[in-house]
C-alpha atoms as a PDB file:
ATOM      1  CA  MET A   1       0.000   0.000   0.000  1.00  0.00           C
ATOM      2  CA  CYS A   2       1.245   3.476  -0.738  1.00  0.00           C
ATOM      3  CA  ALA A   3       1.166   6.252   1.870  1.00  0.00           C
ATOM      4  CA  GLY A   4      -1.493   8.146  -0.066  1.00  0.00           C
ATOM      5  CA  SER A   5      -3.903   5.231  -0.340  1.00  0.00           C
ATOM      6  CA  THR A   6      -7.345   5.469   1.206  1.00  0.00           C
ATOM      7  CA  ALA A   7      -6.766   2.317   3.274  1.00  0.00           C
ATOM      8  CA  VAL A   8      -3.586   3.733   4.808  1.00  0.00           C
ATOM      9  CA  GLN A   9      -5.259   7.070   5.532  1.00  0.00           C
ATOM     10  CA  ARG A  10      -8.111   5.253   7.304  1.00  0.00           C
ATOM     11  CA  GLU A  11      -5.653   3.238   9.410  1.00  0.00           C
ATOM     12  CA  LEU A  12      -3.785   6.402  10.403  1.00  0.00           C
ATOM     13  CA  ALA A  13      -7.019   8.197  11.291  1.00  0.00           C
ATOM     14  CA  ARG A  14      -8.416   5.317  13.354  1.00  0.00           C
ATOM     15  CA  PRO A  15      -6.125   5.581  16.408  1.00  0.00           C
ATOM     16  CA  ILE A  16      -6.492   9.376  16.425  1.00  0.00           C
ATOM     17  CA  LYS A  17     -10.262   8.971  16.647  1.00  0.00           C
ATOM     18  CA  ASP A  18     -10.093   6.034  19.089  1.00  0.00           C
ATOM     19  CA  ILE A  19      -7.629   7.677  21.481  1.00  0.00           C
ATOM     20  CA  PHE A  20      -8.307  11.397  21.166  1.00  0.00           C
ATOM     21  CA  ARG A  21     -11.913  11.314  19.870  1.00  0.00           C
ATOM     22  CA  VAL A  22     -10.936  13.584  16.978  1.00  0.00           C
ATOM     23  CA  ASP A  23     -12.342  12.896  13.513  1.00  0.00           C
ATOM     24  CA  VAL A  24      -9.631  13.853  11.009  1.00  0.00           C
ATOM     25  CA  SER A  25     -11.485  12.463   7.980  1.00  0.00           C
ATOM     26  CA  PRO A  26     -12.390  15.982   6.713  1.00  0.00           C
ATOM     27  CA  LEU A  27      -8.655  16.410   6.039  1.00  0.00           C
ATOM     28  CA  ASP A  28      -8.878  13.670   3.378  1.00  0.00           C
ATOM     29  CA  ARG A  29     -10.028  16.317   0.888  1.00  0.00           C
ATOM     30  CA  LEU A  30      -6.544  17.875   1.060  1.00  0.00           C
ATOM     31  CA  GLY A  31      -4.920  14.741  -0.392  1.00  0.00           C
ATOM     32  CA  HIS A  32      -1.421  13.407   0.188  1.00  0.00           C
ATOM     33  CA  ASP A  33       1.677  15.631  -0.010  1.00  0.00           C
ATOM     34  CA  PRO A  34       4.240  13.669  -2.089  1.00  0.00           C
ATOM     35  CA  SER A  35       7.127  15.627  -0.496  1.00  0.00           C
ATOM     36  CA  VAL A  36       6.399  13.947   2.860  1.00  0.00           C
ATOM     37  CA  VAL A  37       7.988  10.576   3.579  1.00  0.00           C
ATOM     38  CA  SER A  38       6.061   8.564   6.161  1.00  0.00           C
ATOM     39  CA  PHE A  39       6.949   5.374   7.987  1.00  0.00           C
ATOM     40  CA  GLY A  40       4.562   3.184   9.927  1.00  0.00           C
ATOM     41  CA  TRP A  41       5.321   0.363  12.328  1.00  0.00           C
ATOM     42  CA  TRP A  42       2.753  -2.378  12.622  1.00  0.00           C
ATOM     43  CA  CYS A  43       2.089  -5.042  15.234  1.00  0.00           C
ATOM     44  CA  GLY A  44      -0.160  -7.528  13.498  1.00  0.00           C
ATOM     45  CA  ASP A  45      -3.119  -5.518  12.193  1.00  0.00           C
ATOM     46  CA  GLU A  46      -2.444  -2.570  14.519  1.00  0.00           C
ATOM     47  CA  LEU A  47      -0.503   0.535  13.526  1.00  0.00           C
ATOM     48  CA  VAL A  48       1.634   1.251  16.597  1.00  0.00           C
ATOM     49  CA  ALA A  49       3.722   4.217  15.406  1.00  0.00           C
ATOM     50  CA  ASN A  50       3.853   6.619  12.504  1.00  0.00           C
ATOM     51  CA  VAL A  51       6.621   9.071  11.625  1.00  0.00           C
ATOM     52  CA  GLY A  52       6.492  11.712   8.900  1.00  0.00           C
ATOM     53  CA  LEU A  53       9.646  13.335   7.526  1.00  0.00           C
ATOM     54  CA  TYR A  54       9.370  16.804   6.038  1.00  0.00           C
ATOM     55  CA  GLU A  55      11.954  18.828   4.170  1.00  0.00           C
ATOM     56  CA  ARG A  56      13.276  21.564   6.434  1.00  0.00           C
ATOM     57  CA  GLN A  57      12.345  25.027   5.160  1.00  0.00           C
ATOM     58  CA  LEU A  58      14.572  27.897   6.299  1.00  0.00           C
END
């Protein structure tokens, strides 16, 4: 799966909603920024960590 896929976006949004009770799905309309490199660590079917790397802008 690529980082911009709908399935990945849903999996990233799920723990935010479950833990913080914040629905981030309205942000889906913004799409995926291809300049961001993201890494996810999974434990079985659970996403346990996600890191996004952004180019530093001075």
